[in-house]
């Protein structure tokens, strides 16, 4: 989920995406290409300001690993969520003092990545209270992005961001993913199965019980595993409320990439769109039959 702060260095970024979301394949319908680097956020969080320029002017430090950057962004997100509980503006100086430390040279990038995660995962926007005030607040993201509007619906809850992430992982991993892989990924976002979360409450119950009961996810044990492991697939409600293409666009938006950068998934999503466009029998749900058939073959 986390994109490297630098937009350049395409090969390494591609390998990180493939490790997280699944390996892309070849497809005639898919067209490769380098995605343009995304512009800064319009509300000033990702843009340049005097404070950001001062941070960038700090002495250069050696390169950090992807894991170090992910941990620092997760720490920053957690700090912002905790401070927001009091509804008091969060000062840039406090962020620098309590979280950033010797990462000041890349503070603007860290803040931008944290802002993106807050919006897509938790449903909050990080905005500067007033121009050049160097203080921030979190506001509810009332308008859903186009790609996941169907799933957000009227719920207006940040849990939808977590659901979209899980749906994206399932699709990018070949429509089935082990539960252990899901938690390995979510831990990098600061979401742990056995730890209460400020926003999601009990994440394990939310994912393995609530989303399953709502029929967004299918959750079942994997045969012949000891200790027993579980796997996830899309549930029938997901197939009715969204599509593979919309979930792929969500993943691409988070990574600031083009959906065509994952050729195999893009081809599958195109085929799904074509199937949905064909006349359906009354009462039939697109794609559900295919998933059921695949499960029947796998468990027979």
Protein backbone atom coordinates (compact mmCIF):
# COMPACT_ATOMS: atom_id res chain seq x y z
CA UNK A 1 0.00 0.00 0.00
CA UNK A 2 2.75 2.30 0.83
CA UNK A 3 4.48 3.92 -2.08
CA UNK A 4 8.12 4.91 -1.85
CA UNK A 5 8.57 8.65 -1.30
CA UNK A 6 10.50 9.07 -4.53
CA UNK A 7 8.56 8.86 -7.76
CA UNK A 8 11.58 7.79 -9.77
CA UNK A 9 13.33 4.46 -9.82
CA UNK A 10 10.58 2.59 -11.63
CA UNK A 11 12.01 -0.96 -11.54
CA UNK A 12 12.29 -1.14 -7.74
CA UNK A 13 8.83 0.38 -7.27
CA UNK A 14 7.38 -2.22 -9.63
CA UNK A 15 8.91 -5.07 -7.66
CA UNK A 16 7.53 -3.68 -4.39
CA UNK A 17 4.04 -3.48 -5.90
CA UNK A 18 4.23 -7.02 -7.26
CA UNK A 19 5.28 -8.32 -3.85
CA UNK A 20 2.40 -6.52 -2.13
CA UNK A 21 -0.44 -6.85 -4.60
CA UNK A 22 0.44 -9.78 -6.87
CA UNK A 23 2.59 -10.31 -9.90
CA UNK A 24 1.46 -8.89 -13.20
CA UNK A 25 1.44 -10.96 -16.38
CA UNK A 26 1.37 -10.40 -20.12
CA UNK A 27 -1.80 -9.51 -21.99
CA UNK A 28 -2.36 -8.10 -25.45
CA UNK A 29 -5.16 -5.87 -24.26
CA UNK A 30 -2.94 -4.29 -21.61
CA UNK A 31 -0.52 -1.57 -22.44
CA UNK A 32 2.53 -0.88 -20.31
CA UNK A 33 3.86 2.57 -19.63
CA UNK A 34 5.36 4.73 -16.99
CA UNK A 35 2.70 6.46 -14.96
CA UNK A 36 3.09 10.16 -14.42
CA UNK A 37 4.19 11.31 -11.02
CA UNK A 38 1.15 12.50 -9.09
CA UNK A 39 0.83 16.19 -8.28
CA UNK A 40 0.88 17.50 -4.73
CA UNK A 41 -2.36 17.59 -2.75
CA UNK A 42 -4.29 20.78 -3.26
CA UNK A 43 -4.83 21.53 0.44
CA UNK A 44 -1.16 22.15 1.13
CA UNK A 45 -0.26 18.92 2.95
CA UNK A 46 1.81 17.56 0.10
CA UNK A 47 2.74 20.92 -1.36
CA UNK A 48 5.74 23.07 -0.62
CA UNK A 49 5.62 25.60 2.21
CA UNK A 50 8.21 27.45 4.20
CA UNK A 51 8.15 24.74 6.87
CA UNK A 52 8.51 22.03 4.25
CA UNK A 53 11.40 23.83 2.61
CA UNK A 54 13.15 24.13 5.96
CA UNK A 55 12.67 20.41 6.51
CA UNK A 56 14.04 19.64 3.06
CA UNK A 57 17.02 21.87 3.77
CA UNK A 58 18.09 19.66 6.70
CA UNK A 59 21.38 17.82 6.27
CA UNK A 60 21.06 14.77 4.05
CA UNK A 61 20.96 11.38 5.76
CA UNK A 62 21.75 8.00 4.25
CA UNK A 63 18.96 6.16 2.43
CA UNK A 64 16.37 4.36 4.54
CA UNK A 65 14.95 0.96 3.79
CA UNK A 66 11.36 0.51 2.63
CA UNK A 67 10.54 -1.08 5.98
CA UNK A 68 11.94 1.91 7.89
CA UNK A 69 9.83 4.31 5.81
CA UNK A 70 6.71 2.21 6.29
CA UNK A 71 7.21 2.08 10.05
CA UNK A 72 7.75 5.83 10.23
CA UNK A 73 4.61 6.57 8.19
CA UNK A 74 2.61 4.15 10.37
CA UNK A 75 3.96 5.92 13.47
CA UNK A 76 3.00 9.31 12.04
CA UNK A 77 -0.52 8.14 11.16
CA UNK A 78 -1.00 6.73 14.66
CA UNK A 79 0.26 9.98 16.22
CA UNK A 80 -2.15 12.07 14.13
CA UNK A 81 -5.12 9.83 14.99
CA UNK A 82 -4.34 9.97 18.71
CA UNK A 83 -3.85 13.75 18.74
CA UNK A 84 -7.09 14.23 16.80
CA UNK A 85 -9.07 12.62 19.64
CA UNK A 86 -8.82 15.93 21.55
CA UNK A 87 -9.87 17.92 18.47
CA UNK A 88 -7.03 20.37 19.08
CA UNK A 89 -4.95 21.50 16.07
CA UNK A 90 -1.83 19.41 15.66
CA UNK A 91 1.30 21.53 15.51
CA UNK A 92 4.03 20.82 12.97
CA UNK A 93 6.61 21.38 15.71
CA UNK A 94 5.04 18.59 17.79
CA UNK A 95 5.10 16.23 14.81
CA UNK A 96 8.76 16.99 14.18
CA UNK A 97 9.66 16.61 17.85
CA UNK A 98 7.71 13.50 18.80
CA UNK A 99 7.63 11.50 15.55
CA UNK A 100 9.92 12.66 12.77
CA UNK A 101 13.23 12.96 14.63
CA UNK A 102 16.15 12.47 12.26
CA UNK A 103 13.78 11.96 9.31
CA UNK A 104 13.39 15.73 8.90
CA UNK A 105 15.04 15.66 5.48
CA UNK A 106 12.07 13.72 4.08
CA UNK A 107 9.35 15.18 6.30
CA UNK A 108 7.23 16.57 3.40
CA UNK A 109 7.16 13.14 1.76
CA UNK A 110 6.31 11.39 5.02
CA UNK A 111 3.50 13.84 5.70
CA UNK A 112 2.12 13.37 2.21
CA UNK A 113 2.19 9.58 2.50
CA UNK A 114 0.53 9.77 5.92
CA UNK A 115 -2.18 12.06 4.50
CA UNK A 116 -2.88 9.59 1.68
CA UNK A 117 -3.14 6.68 4.11
CA UNK A 118 -5.45 8.65 6.41
CA UNK A 119 -7.79 9.36 3.52
CA UNK A 120 -7.89 5.96 1.82
CA UNK A 121 -7.70 3.71 4.88
CA UNK A 122 -9.38 5.75 7.61
CA UNK A 123 -11.61 8.18 5.72
CA UNK A 124 -9.97 11.36 7.03
CA UNK A 125 -8.35 14.29 5.26
CA UNK A 126 -5.32 15.95 6.79
CA UNK A 127 -5.59 19.68 6.12
CA UNK A 128 -3.65 22.73 7.22
CA UNK A 129 -5.88 24.79 9.51
CA UNK A 130 -4.86 28.11 7.96
CA UNK A 131 -2.28 28.99 5.31
CA UNK A 132 1.22 29.00 6.80
CA UNK A 133 -0.18 28.20 10.25
CA UNK A 134 1.92 25.01 10.50
CA UNK A 135 -0.94 23.32 12.33
CA UNK A 136 -3.23 20.59 11.05
CA UNK A 137 -6.59 18.99 11.74
CA UNK A 138 -8.32 15.83 10.51
CA UNK A 139 -11.71 16.20 8.86
CA UNK A 140 -14.13 13.52 7.74
CA UNK A 141 -13.82 12.70 4.07
CA UNK A 142 -17.49 13.11 3.20
CA UNK A 143 -17.29 12.56 -0.54
CA UNK A 144 -16.16 9.06 -1.60
CA UNK A 145 -13.78 8.64 -4.49
CA UNK A 146 -15.56 7.61 -7.66
CA UNK A 147 -14.06 4.13 -7.76
CA UNK A 148 -15.47 2.99 -4.41
CA UNK A 149 -18.64 5.06 -4.20
CA UNK A 150 -20.82 1.95 -4.43
CA UNK A 151 -19.13 0.36 -1.46
CA UNK A 152 -19.11 3.47 0.69
CA UNK A 153 -22.74 4.20 -0.08
CA UNK A 154 -24.44 6.00 2.78
CA UNK A 155 -22.33 4.35 5.44
CA UNK A 156 -19.82 7.16 5.66
CA UNK A 157 -17.61 5.00 7.88
CA UNK A 158 -13.84 4.66 7.69
CA UNK A 159 -14.18 0.86 7.81
CA UNK A 160 -14.89 0.96 4.09
CA UNK A 161 -11.27 1.91 3.42
CA UNK A 162 -10.12 -1.21 5.24
CA UNK A 163 -12.60 -3.33 3.30
CA UNK A 164 -11.34 -1.90 0.00
CA UNK A 165 -7.78 -2.78 0.95
CA UNK A 166 -8.74 -6.39 1.72
CA UNK A 167 -10.73 -6.65 -1.51
CA UNK A 168 -7.77 -5.27 -3.41
CA UNK A 169 -5.40 -7.79 -1.83
CA UNK A 170 -7.74 -10.66 -2.71
CA UNK A 171 -8.07 -9.62 -6.34
CA UNK A 172 -4.39 -8.84 -6.84
CA UNK A 173 -3.38 -12.20 -5.34
CA UNK A 174 -5.48 -14.23 -7.77
CA UNK A 175 -8.92 -13.91 -6.13
CA UNK A 176 -7.90 -15.92 -3.05
CA UNK A 177 -5.54 -14.94 -0.25
CA UNK A 178 -4.46 -16.55 3.00
CA UNK A 179 -5.50 -14.79 6.19
CA UNK A 180 -1.87 -14.72 7.35
CA UNK A 181 -0.93 -12.73 4.23
CA UNK A 182 -3.69 -10.21 4.91
CA UNK A 183 -2.44 -9.58 8.44
CA UNK A 184 1.17 -9.41 7.30
CA UNK A 185 0.11 -6.55 5.04
CA UNK A 186 -2.18 -4.79 7.53
CA UNK A 187 0.49 -4.81 10.24
CA UNK A 188 2.47 -2.49 8.00
CA UNK A 189 -0.47 -0.08 8.21
CA UNK A 190 -0.54 -0.26 12.00
CA UNK A 191 -3.55 -2.62 12.09
CA UNK A 192 -3.02 -5.75 14.22
CA UNK A 193 -5.38 -8.71 14.68
CA UNK A 194 -5.08 -8.90 18.47
CA UNK A 195 -4.85 -5.17 19.25
CA UNK A 196 -7.76 -2.75 19.55
CA UNK A 197 -7.59 0.00 16.96
CA UNK A 198 -8.62 3.63 17.45
CA UNK A 199 -10.77 3.64 14.32
CA UNK A 200 -11.62 0.00 13.59
CA UNK A 201 -12.11 -1.27 17.12
CA UNK A 202 -11.47 -5.02 16.93
CA UNK A 203 -9.94 -5.44 13.44
CA UNK A 204 -10.06 -9.26 13.47
CA UNK A 205 -13.75 -9.31 14.36
CA UNK A 206 -14.47 -6.62 11.77
CA UNK A 207 -12.79 -8.54 8.96
CA UNK A 208 -13.50 -12.18 9.83
CA UNK A 209 -17.01 -11.73 11.27
CA UNK A 210 -18.66 -8.41 10.34
CA UNK A 211 -17.54 -8.26 6.69
CA UNK A 212 -18.30 -11.98 6.36
CA UNK A 213 -21.78 -11.62 7.89
CA UNK A 214 -22.44 -8.69 5.53
CA UNK A 215 -21.39 -11.04 2.69
CA UNK A 216 -18.58 -8.83 1.45
CA UNK A 217 -16.09 -11.61 2.17
CA UNK A 218 -15.98 -15.40 2.15
CA UNK A 219 -13.85 -16.83 4.97
CA UNK A 220 -13.12 -20.52 5.37
CA UNK A 221 -10.42 -22.92 6.57
CA UNK A 222 -7.83 -24.24 4.14
CA UNK A 223 -7.94 -28.06 4.06
CA UNK A 224 -4.95 -30.06 5.32
CA UNK A 225 -3.24 -27.16 7.11
CA UNK A 226 -1.80 -27.69 10.59
CA UNK A 227 -2.15 -25.40 12.41
CA UNK A 228 -5.28 -24.54 10.49
CA UNK A 229 -5.04 -21.50 8.22
CA UNK A 230 -7.90 -19.58 6.65
CA UNK A 231 -8.41 -17.87 3.31
CA UNK A 232 -10.51 -15.03 1.96
CA UNK A 233 -12.40 -14.57 -1.30
CA UNK A 234 -14.87 -11.95 -2.43
CA UNK A 235 -18.40 -12.50 -1.17
CA UNK A 236 -21.54 -12.25 -3.33
CA UNK A 237 -22.38 -8.76 -2.05
CA UNK A 238 -19.03 -7.44 -3.29
CA UNK A 239 -19.74 -8.79 -6.77
CA UNK A 240 -23.07 -6.97 -6.75
CA UNK A 241 -21.88 -3.63 -5.35
CA UNK A 242 -18.56 -3.16 -7.10
CA UNK A 243 -16.38 -4.73 -9.79
CA UNK A 244 -12.83 -5.91 -10.36
CA UNK A 245 -12.11 -2.84 -12.46
CA UNK A 246 -13.24 -0.45 -9.74
CA UNK A 247 -11.17 -2.23 -7.11
CA UNK A 248 -8.16 -2.24 -9.46
CA UNK A 249 -8.62 1.50 -9.99
CA UNK A 250 -8.69 1.95 -6.21
CA UNK A 251 -5.39 0.07 -5.89
CA UNK A 252 -3.89 2.10 -8.73
CA UNK A 253 -5.06 5.39 -7.20
CA UNK A 254 -3.46 4.54 -3.87
CA UNK A 255 -0.18 3.76 -5.64
CA UNK A 256 -0.50 6.70 -8.04
CA UNK A 257 -0.16 4.29 -10.94
CA UNK A 258 -2.21 3.31 -13.95
CA UNK A 259 -4.39 0.15 -13.76
CA UNK A 260 -2.58 -1.08 -16.87
CA UNK A 261 0.61 -1.37 -14.80
CA UNK A 262 -0.83 -4.70 -13.61
CA UNK A 263 -1.47 -6.34 -17.01
CA UNK A 264 -2.87 -9.69 -15.82
CA UNK A 265 -5.31 -8.09 -13.40
CA UNK A 266 -6.24 -5.43 -15.94
CA UNK A 267 -7.12 -8.09 -18.51
CA UNK A 268 -9.19 -9.98 -15.96
CA UNK A 269 -10.98 -6.78 -15.00
CA UNK A 270 -11.72 -6.00 -18.66
CA UNK A 271 -13.16 -9.47 -19.16
CA UNK A 272 -15.32 -8.97 -16.07
CA UNK A 273 -16.58 -5.65 -17.43
CA UNK A 274 -17.48 -7.31 -20.73
CA UNK A 275 -19.32 -10.09 -18.92
CA UNK A 276 -21.29 -7.56 -16.90
CA UNK A 277 -22.21 -5.66 -20.05
CA UNK A 278 -23.84 -8.75 -21.57
CA UNK A 279 -27.55 -9.29 -20.88
CA UNK A 280 -28.00 -11.19 -17.62
CA UNK A 281 -30.72 -13.60 -16.63
CA UNK A 282 -33.17 -11.95 -14.24
CA UNK A 283 -31.89 -12.35 -10.69
CA UNK A 284 -28.40 -13.47 -11.73
CA UNK A 285 -25.43 -11.78 -10.13
CA UNK A 286 -22.39 -11.13 -12.38
CA UNK A 287 -19.27 -13.11 -11.53
CA UNK A 288 -20.82 -14.95 -8.56
CA UNK A 289 -21.35 -18.13 -10.54
CA UNK A 290 -17.72 -18.13 -11.65
CA UNK A 291 -16.49 -17.80 -8.09
CA UNK A 292 -18.84 -20.54 -6.88
CA UNK A 293 -17.72 -22.84 -9.65
CA UNK A 294 -14.08 -22.26 -8.82
CA UNK A 295 -14.74 -23.04 -5.17
CA UNK A 296 -16.62 -26.20 -6.09
CA UNK A 297 -13.72 -27.47 -8.15
CA UNK A 298 -11.20 -26.59 -5.47
CA UNK A 299 -13.04 -28.35 -2.63
CA UNK A 300 -14.23 -31.41 -4.50
